[in-house]
């Protein structure tokens, strides 16, 4: 019997672990890519060699999830995560290990789902994503540029 393709393993995982939607996992893969590129200084235009091992620690991934969510969803990041049923860093850990268990991600022997516990210093996702937009006008481009700062 041959090993199932990643798409088939992903489909099985979604059936066996239905608590998080496919969109949440797609976002997690994008955030992981964002994390690997940041940790290993790989430019966005460069392909990441799938043969190379690029491990990131739980806290590095959580920070990339936070940064990438703010980049993608802005002030609505917390609402998006809430709609996906993701309310804590522990949920991210469960998702990561669902992917590991279905051979869609690798891990080191020392990695544990508990590595994601109390991420973000124990802050709730409401607090993590409590941000305020900051608008600046760029005269050279004749456009407004949005950035975000912590509301706390």
Protein backbone atom coordinates (compact mmCIF):
# COMPACT_ATOMS: atom_id res chain seq x y z
CA UNK A 1 0.00 0.00 0.00
CA UNK A 2 1.37 3.45 -0.91
CA UNK A 3 1.44 6.42 1.38
CA UNK A 4 -1.40 8.86 0.74
CA UNK A 5 -0.56 12.20 -0.86
CA UNK A 6 -0.43 15.28 1.41
CA UNK A 7 -3.79 16.48 0.07
CA UNK A 8 -5.37 13.17 1.07
CA UNK A 9 -3.76 13.26 4.53
CA UNK A 10 -5.02 16.83 4.93
CA UNK A 11 -8.56 15.79 4.01
CA UNK A 12 -8.44 12.91 6.50
CA UNK A 13 -7.14 15.25 9.18
CA UNK A 14 -10.03 17.67 8.61
CA UNK A 15 -12.49 14.78 8.99
CA UNK A 16 -10.81 13.36 12.10
CA UNK A 17 -10.10 16.77 13.70
CA UNK A 18 -13.07 18.97 12.69
CA UNK A 19 -12.72 21.57 15.45
CA UNK A 20 -10.80 24.02 13.22
CA UNK A 21 -11.73 24.93 9.63
CA UNK A 22 -9.58 24.46 6.56
CA UNK A 23 -9.06 28.25 6.31
CA UNK A 24 -7.45 28.27 9.75
CA UNK A 25 -4.95 25.60 8.68
CA UNK A 26 -4.26 27.46 5.43
CA UNK A 27 -3.50 30.57 7.48
CA UNK A 28 -1.27 28.53 9.81
CA UNK A 29 0.76 27.24 6.85
CA UNK A 30 1.18 30.83 5.61
CA UNK A 31 2.21 31.98 9.09
CA UNK A 32 4.70 29.11 9.28
CA UNK A 33 6.16 30.18 5.93
CA UNK A 34 6.37 33.74 7.30
CA UNK A 35 8.14 32.41 10.41
CA UNK A 36 10.66 30.27 8.51
CA UNK A 37 11.50 33.18 6.22
CA UNK A 38 12.04 35.48 9.20
CA UNK A 39 14.07 33.04 11.32
CA UNK A 40 16.27 31.84 8.42
CA UNK A 41 16.47 35.20 6.58
CA UNK A 42 14.89 33.90 3.37
CA UNK A 43 13.49 36.57 1.07
CA UNK A 44 9.84 36.37 -0.01
CA UNK A 45 10.79 35.89 -3.65
CA UNK A 46 13.11 32.94 -2.85
CA UNK A 47 11.79 29.39 -2.96
CA UNK A 48 12.21 27.39 0.23
CA UNK A 49 13.84 24.05 -0.50
CA UNK A 50 11.50 21.41 0.88
CA UNK A 51 14.46 19.07 1.36
CA UNK A 52 16.01 21.42 3.92
CA UNK A 53 14.88 21.27 7.53
CA UNK A 54 13.76 24.66 8.80
CA UNK A 55 12.59 24.21 12.37
CA UNK A 56 11.00 27.04 14.33
CA UNK A 57 10.26 26.98 18.02
CA UNK A 58 6.70 27.30 19.34
CA UNK A 59 7.21 30.86 20.57
CA UNK A 60 8.71 31.92 17.22
CA UNK A 61 5.72 30.47 15.39
CA UNK A 62 3.26 32.13 17.77
CA UNK A 63 4.88 35.51 17.22
CA UNK A 64 4.72 34.97 13.45
CA UNK A 65 1.05 34.00 13.78
CA UNK A 66 0.45 37.30 15.61
CA UNK A 67 2.42 39.42 13.14
CA UNK A 68 0.99 37.70 10.06
CA UNK A 69 -2.58 37.93 11.39
CA UNK A 70 -2.20 41.66 11.96
CA UNK A 71 -0.68 42.04 8.50
CA UNK A 72 -3.48 40.01 6.86
CA UNK A 73 -6.52 41.02 8.93
CA UNK A 74 -5.56 44.24 10.73
CA UNK A 75 -7.92 45.19 13.54
CA UNK A 76 -10.16 42.24 12.69
CA UNK A 77 -7.51 39.60 13.49
CA UNK A 78 -9.08 38.68 16.83
CA UNK A 79 -12.53 38.37 15.22
CA UNK A 80 -11.18 36.11 12.48
CA UNK A 81 -9.50 33.80 14.99
CA UNK A 82 -12.65 33.76 17.11
CA UNK A 83 -14.74 32.77 14.07
CA UNK A 84 -12.31 29.86 13.52
CA UNK A 85 -12.65 28.73 17.14
CA UNK A 86 -9.07 29.72 17.94
CA UNK A 87 -9.06 31.59 21.23
CA UNK A 88 -5.65 30.78 22.73
CA UNK A 89 -2.09 29.80 21.92
CA UNK A 90 -3.01 26.29 23.02
CA UNK A 91 -5.37 26.08 20.01
CA UNK A 92 -2.42 26.85 17.72
CA UNK A 93 -0.49 24.05 19.41
CA UNK A 94 -3.34 21.60 18.85
CA UNK A 95 -3.47 22.58 15.18
CA UNK A 96 0.29 22.17 14.76
CA UNK A 97 0.24 18.73 16.33
CA UNK A 98 -2.80 17.70 14.27
CA UNK A 99 -0.61 18.47 11.25
CA UNK A 100 2.33 16.60 12.77
CA UNK A 101 0.15 13.57 13.58
CA UNK A 102 -1.00 13.42 9.95
CA UNK A 103 2.56 13.78 8.60
CA UNK A 104 1.95 17.24 7.18
CA UNK A 105 4.57 18.89 9.41
CA UNK A 106 7.70 17.60 11.04
CA UNK A 107 8.89 18.09 14.59
CA UNK A 108 11.93 17.54 16.76
CA UNK A 109 11.82 14.80 19.39
CA UNK A 110 11.76 17.46 22.09
CA UNK A 111 8.76 19.36 20.63
CA UNK A 112 5.52 19.01 22.60
CA UNK A 113 2.05 20.46 22.28
CA UNK A 114 2.62 21.98 25.73
CA UNK A 115 5.27 24.26 24.21
CA UNK A 116 2.37 26.43 23.05
CA UNK A 117 0.78 26.75 26.51
CA UNK A 118 0.51 30.28 27.87
CA UNK A 119 2.05 31.77 24.73
CA UNK A 120 2.00 35.55 24.46
CA UNK A 121 2.78 35.75 28.19
CA UNK A 122 -0.62 34.33 29.08
CA UNK A 123 -2.51 37.11 27.30
CA UNK A 124 -5.85 36.22 25.74
CA UNK A 125 -6.20 36.59 21.98
CA UNK A 126 -8.45 39.60 22.64
CA UNK A 127 -5.48 41.25 24.36
CA UNK A 128 -2.91 40.01 21.81
CA UNK A 129 -4.91 41.49 18.95
CA UNK A 130 -5.98 44.68 20.72
CA UNK A 131 -4.41 47.02 18.21
CA UNK A 132 -5.15 50.47 16.88
CA UNK A 133 -4.64 51.59 13.31
CA UNK A 134 -2.13 54.34 12.75
CA UNK A 135 -2.43 56.21 9.46
CA UNK A 136 0.36 58.20 7.87
CA UNK A 137 0.26 60.13 4.64
CA UNK A 138 3.14 59.46 2.24
CA UNK A 139 3.60 62.48 -0.01
CA UNK A 140 5.97 60.71 -2.42
CA UNK A 141 3.35 58.06 -3.18
CA UNK A 142 0.35 60.34 -2.62
CA UNK A 143 -1.34 57.69 -0.47
CA UNK A 144 -2.17 56.81 3.10
CA UNK A 145 -0.21 53.99 4.73
CA UNK A 146 -1.71 52.00 7.60
CA UNK A 147 0.28 50.45 10.40
CA UNK A 148 -0.80 49.16 13.78
CA UNK A 149 0.29 49.66 17.36
CA UNK A 150 -0.70 47.88 20.54
CA UNK A 151 -3.77 49.35 22.16
CA UNK A 152 -2.51 48.50 25.65
